[in-house]
Amino acid sequence: MKVEIYSDIACPWCYLGKSRFERALAAFPQGDSVEVVYRPFQLDPTAPESPQPHREVLARKFGPQAVAMDDRLAAMGAAEGLTFDFDTVVENNSLLAHRLLRFALDTYGPETQNRLKGRLMTGHFGEGLDIGDRTALTDAAVAAGLDRDAVAAFLAGDDLRDEVVAEIDQARQIGITAVPTFVFEGKWAVQGGQETSVFLQALEQVAKDSAAEAAALAGTQDAAADAACADGVCAVPPATTADAPAANS
């Protein structure tokens, strides 16, 4: 099973949802066979590429209720064993960090990308890590198992910028409007930092539905094979345009 998680490093609900989903995955009997890939999304693509105190940014957006919003998230995070220290959180444009996550996925694979995602979120929400600072991102990447020189060289350039921007645009085109959004097998979606029980139920249901689809497909293929075989010979149906292999360009 493949689960693609659309999220933003700067999204506290994404941090909460990541923790709850991972608890569900640990309780899922087939958890070891689930591939988890993080996809980029920006809540505010227009955010300036400069550090700003979280409290000030949130107050401009939501006014007096901003503190209560932070307090509620901090309490929910504490229940999950997560630290939300909003007094030290630094907001910045998240595109650079998303590029680094894509680099980790392409170069090292999903497990390393997952570790880096966790390190960035832990640092951002609990340690005052600036997700727009190249030195801070490099240190976080090294802590997640990436090579320091390779990361520093990557962050010094502009590689994967276009690809990540295109991914973010594609996410909006397929209907992703809020994060976190968990897409199972490219078909089923769960939105929000749901309770662990909700994620576990989703994993179980998707596994059940996928098994039923596979069984139905196998039955259809068997029936087609039986229909094509008679009098001791099996006829191969003529290739259609859809079946024909694509020409190499």
Protein backbone atom coordinates (compact mmCIF):
# COMPACT_ATOMS: atom_id res chain seq x y z
CA MET A 1 0.00 0.00 0.00
CA LYS A 2 1.19 3.50 -0.80
CA VAL A 3 0.18 6.55 1.20
CA GLU A 4 1.00 10.01 -0.11
CA ILE A 5 0.79 12.75 2.51
CA TYR A 6 0.32 16.30 1.32
CA SER A 7 1.51 18.65 4.02
CA ASP A 8 3.41 21.81 4.82
CA ILE A 9 6.28 21.92 7.31
CA ALA A 10 4.81 25.14 8.70
CA CYS A 11 1.41 23.52 9.40
CA PRO A 12 0.89 22.50 13.06
CA TRP A 13 -2.02 20.20 12.13
CA CYS A 14 0.35 18.40 9.75
CA TYR A 15 2.76 17.78 12.64
CA LEU A 16 -0.08 16.47 14.77
CA GLY A 17 -1.45 14.37 11.91
CA LYS A 18 1.96 12.86 11.21
CA SER A 19 2.25 11.66 14.79
CA ARG A 20 -1.25 10.20 14.86
CA PHE A 21 -0.86 8.50 11.50
CA GLU A 22 2.42 6.92 12.59
CA ARG A 23 0.74 5.56 15.72
CA ALA A 24 -1.93 4.02 13.49
CA LEU A 25 0.72 2.59 11.18
CA ALA A 26 2.49 0.99 14.13
CA ALA A 27 -0.78 -0.70 15.14
CA PHE A 28 -1.62 -1.83 11.59
CA PRO A 29 -0.62 -5.49 11.09
CA GLN A 30 0.60 -4.79 7.54
CA GLY A 31 2.36 -1.59 8.51
CA ASP A 32 5.77 -2.76 7.32
CA SER A 33 4.45 -3.04 3.76
CA VAL A 34 3.09 0.53 3.64
CA GLU A 35 5.17 3.04 1.68
CA VAL A 36 4.77 6.60 2.93
CA VAL A 37 5.77 9.50 0.69
CA TYR A 38 5.47 13.18 1.58
CA ARG A 39 4.22 15.54 -1.11
CA PRO A 40 4.70 19.32 -0.97
CA PHE A 41 2.02 21.87 -0.29
CA GLN A 42 2.29 25.51 0.77
CA LEU A 43 -0.36 27.15 2.90
CA ASP A 44 1.08 30.52 1.94
CA PRO A 45 3.21 30.43 -1.23
CA THR A 46 3.48 34.22 -1.08
CA ALA A 47 5.14 34.24 2.35
CA PRO A 48 8.32 36.32 2.28
CA GLU A 49 11.66 34.53 2.31
CA SER A 50 12.67 36.04 5.63
CA PRO A 51 12.22 34.88 9.24
CA GLN A 52 9.32 36.32 11.24
CA PRO A 53 8.10 35.53 14.78
CA HIS A 54 5.14 33.15 14.68
CA ARG A 55 3.13 35.09 17.27
CA GLU A 56 3.26 38.25 15.16
CA VAL A 57 2.32 36.44 11.93
CA LEU A 58 -0.63 34.67 13.50
CA ALA A 59 -1.87 37.80 15.25
CA ARG A 60 -1.96 39.63 11.90
CA LYS A 61 -4.05 36.82 10.42
CA PHE A 62 -6.43 35.99 13.26
CA GLY A 63 -6.26 38.81 15.77
CA PRO A 64 -6.89 38.23 19.50
CA GLN A 65 -8.00 34.63 19.02
CA ALA A 66 -4.51 33.64 17.81
CA VAL A 67 -3.24 32.88 21.32
CA ALA A 68 -6.18 30.62 22.08
CA MET A 69 -5.58 28.75 18.80
CA ASP A 70 -1.95 28.17 19.75
CA ASP A 71 -2.86 27.06 23.27
CA ARG A 72 -5.33 24.50 21.93
CA LEU A 73 -2.77 23.03 19.55
CA ALA A 74 -0.10 22.97 22.23
CA ALA A 75 -2.43 20.99 24.51
CA MET A 76 -3.27 18.47 21.77
CA GLY A 77 0.38 18.17 20.88
CA ALA A 78 1.35 17.48 24.48
CA ALA A 79 -1.13 14.59 24.50
CA GLU A 80 0.79 13.15 21.55
CA GLY A 81 4.18 13.77 23.14
CA LEU A 82 4.89 16.69 20.81
CA THR A 83 6.24 20.09 21.80
CA PHE A 84 4.69 23.24 20.38
CA ASP A 85 6.74 26.18 21.69
CA PHE A 86 5.02 28.94 19.74
CA ASP A 87 7.01 31.65 21.50
CA THR A 88 10.12 30.42 19.67
CA VAL A 89 8.57 29.37 16.35
CA VAL A 90 10.01 31.24 13.38
CA GLU A 91 7.87 31.50 10.25
CA ASN A 92 9.45 31.57 6.80
CA ASN A 93 8.60 30.57 3.25
CA SER A 94 8.65 26.76 3.18
CA LEU A 95 9.64 26.18 -0.47
CA LEU A 96 13.33 25.65 0.28
CA ALA A 97 12.50 23.01 2.89
CA HIS A 98 10.13 21.28 0.45
CA ARG A 99 12.91 21.18 -2.13
CA LEU A 100 15.16 19.52 0.44
CA LEU A 101 12.48 16.94 1.20
CA ARG A 102 12.17 16.14 -2.51
CA PHE A 103 15.97 15.82 -2.69
CA ALA A 104 15.88 13.37 0.22
CA LEU A 105 13.16 11.33 -1.48
CA ASP A 106 14.91 11.22 -4.86
CA THR A 107 18.38 10.52 -3.45
CA TYR A 108 17.76 8.40 -0.37
CA GLY A 109 14.18 7.13 -0.53
CA PRO A 110 10.93 7.44 1.45
CA GLU A 111 12.26 6.33 4.84
CA THR A 112 14.97 8.97 4.89
CA GLN A 113 12.52 11.58 3.64
CA ASN A 114 10.21 10.63 6.50
CA ARG A 115 13.00 11.05 9.06
CA LEU A 116 13.88 14.44 7.61
CA LYS A 117 10.24 15.53 7.68
CA GLY A 118 10.07 14.63 11.36
CA ARG A 119 13.33 16.43 12.14
CA LEU A 120 12.18 19.59 10.37
CA MET A 121 8.83 19.63 12.14
CA THR A 122 10.34 18.92 15.55
CA GLY A 123 12.85 21.69 15.01
CA HIS A 124 10.36 24.16 13.58
CA PHE A 125 7.69 23.79 16.26
CA GLY A 126 9.82 23.00 19.30
CA GLU A 127 13.32 24.41 18.81
CA GLY A 128 13.00 27.65 16.87
CA LEU A 129 14.47 26.17 13.67
CA ASP A 130 14.18 28.54 10.71
CA ILE A 131 13.03 26.40 7.76
CA GLY A 132 14.33 29.04 5.35
CA ASP A 133 17.88 29.04 6.72
CA ARG A 134 20.30 26.89 4.71
CA THR A 135 22.63 26.17 7.61
CA ALA A 136 19.75 25.06 9.84
CA LEU A 137 18.34 22.90 7.05
CA THR A 138 21.73 21.32 6.43
CA ASP A 139 22.13 20.43 10.11
CA ALA A 140 18.63 18.95 10.18
CA ALA A 141 19.36 16.90 7.07
CA VAL A 142 22.59 15.53 8.54
CA ALA A 143 20.71 14.56 11.70
CA ALA A 144 18.27 12.63 9.48
CA GLY A 145 21.10 10.72 7.81
CA LEU A 146 21.88 12.79 4.70
CA ASP A 147 25.40 13.66 3.58
CA ARG A 148 26.42 17.16 4.65
CA ASP A 149 28.41 18.07 1.55
CA ALA A 150 25.71 16.82 -0.81
CA VAL A 151 23.01 18.75 1.04
CA ALA A 152 25.06 21.94 1.19
CA ALA A 153 25.75 21.73 -2.54
CA PHE A 154 22.08 21.12 -3.28
CA LEU A 155 20.87 24.03 -1.14
CA ALA A 156 23.42 26.36 -2.71
CA GLY A 157 21.78 25.89 -6.10
CA ASP A 158 18.29 25.96 -7.55
CA ASP A 159 17.80 22.28 -8.36
CA LEU A 160 14.28 20.81 -8.07
CA ARG A 161 12.66 24.21 -7.63
CA ASP A 162 10.59 23.90 -10.79
CA GLU A 163 9.69 20.31 -10.01
CA VAL A 164 8.46 21.13 -6.51
CA VAL A 165 6.48 24.15 -7.67
CA ALA A 166 4.88 21.93 -10.32
CA GLU A 167 4.02 19.33 -7.65
CA ILE A 168 2.34 21.97 -5.53
CA ASP A 169 0.35 23.20 -8.52
CA GLN A 170 -0.62 19.63 -9.38
CA ALA A 171 -1.83 19.06 -5.82
CA ARG A 172 -4.25 21.94 -6.16
CA GLN A 173 -5.37 20.70 -9.58
CA ILE A 174 -6.32 17.27 -8.21
CA GLY A 175 -8.37 18.86 -5.44
CA ILE A 176 -6.01 19.22 -2.49
CA THR A 177 -7.24 22.38 -0.78
CA ALA A 178 -6.15 21.86 2.82
CA VAL A 179 -3.47 19.95 4.68
CA PRO A 180 -2.72 17.44 5.87
CA THR A 181 -4.38 15.26 3.25
CA PHE A 182 -3.59 11.54 3.23
CA VAL A 183 -4.13 9.81 -0.12
CA PHE A 184 -4.25 6.02 -0.02
CA GLU A 185 -3.35 4.10 -3.18
CA GLY A 186 -4.10 7.20 -5.24
CA LYS A 187 -7.84 6.67 -4.70
CA TRP A 188 -8.98 7.22 -1.12
CA ALA A 189 -8.32 10.39 0.87
CA VAL A 190 -8.48 11.37 4.53
CA GLN A 191 -8.18 15.07 5.31
CA GLY A 192 -7.00 16.63 8.56
CA GLY A 193 -5.01 15.62 11.61
CA GLN A 194 -7.54 12.94 12.55
CA GLU A 195 -7.47 10.75 15.62
CA THR A 196 -5.26 7.66 15.43
CA SER A 197 -8.35 5.42 15.36
CA VAL A 198 -9.57 7.12 12.17
CA PHE A 199 -6.27 6.51 10.41
CA LEU A 200 -6.18 2.90 11.56
CA GLN A 201 -9.69 2.36 10.26
CA ALA A 202 -8.69 3.92 6.93
CA LEU A 203 -5.65 1.64 6.63
CA GLU A 204 -7.75 -1.43 7.36
CA GLN A 205 -10.52 -0.42 4.94
CA VAL A 206 -8.12 0.40 2.11
CA ALA A 207 -6.34 -2.93 2.60
CA LYS A 208 -9.70 -4.71 2.47
CA ASP A 209 -10.89 -2.82 -0.61
CA SER A 210 -7.57 -3.32 -2.41
CA ALA A 211 -7.68 -7.06 -1.73
CA ALA A 212 -11.25 -7.22 -3.05
CA GLU A 213 -10.26 -5.32 -6.20
CA ALA A 214 -7.29 -7.62 -6.77
CA ALA A 215 -9.50 -10.69 -6.34
CA ALA A 216 -12.09 -9.30 -8.75
CA LEU A 217 -9.40 -8.50 -11.32
CA ALA A 218 -7.91 -11.97 -11.01
CA GLY A 219 -11.38 -13.47 -11.53
CA THR A 220 -11.92 -11.36 -14.64
CA GLN A 221 -8.56 -12.38 -16.07
CA ASP A 222 -9.26 -16.07 -15.35
CA ALA A 223 -12.64 -15.82 -17.07
CA ALA A 224 -11.05 -14.15 -20.10
CA ALA A 225 -8.39 -16.85 -20.28
CA ASP A 226 -11.02 -19.59 -20.08
CA ALA A 227 -13.01 -17.95 -22.86
CA ALA A 228 -9.93 -17.68 -25.08
CA CYS A 229 -8.98 -21.34 -24.65
CA ALA A 230 -10.94 -24.09 -26.41
CA ASP A 231 -10.27 -27.37 -28.21
CA GLY A 232 -6.82 -27.64 -26.73
CA VAL A 233 -5.52 -24.28 -27.97
CA CYS A 234 -5.41 -20.79 -26.49
CA ALA A 235 -6.02 -17.89 -28.81
CA VAL A 236 -4.19 -14.65 -28.20
CA PRO A 237 -6.55 -11.71 -28.88
CA PRO A 238 -5.31 -9.19 -31.46
CA ALA A 239 -3.58 -6.14 -30.04
CA THR A 240 -5.61 -2.95 -29.96
CA THR A 241 -4.26 0.55 -30.13
CA ALA A 242 -4.46 0.77 -26.34
CA ASP A 243 -2.53 -2.49 -25.99
CA ALA A 244 0.22 -1.62 -28.43
CA PRO A 245 3.51 -0.54 -26.87
CA ALA A 246 4.31 3.13 -27.14
CA ALA A 247 7.03 4.08 -29.58
CA ASN A 248 10.23 5.38 -28.08
CA SER A 249 10.68 9.08 -28.68
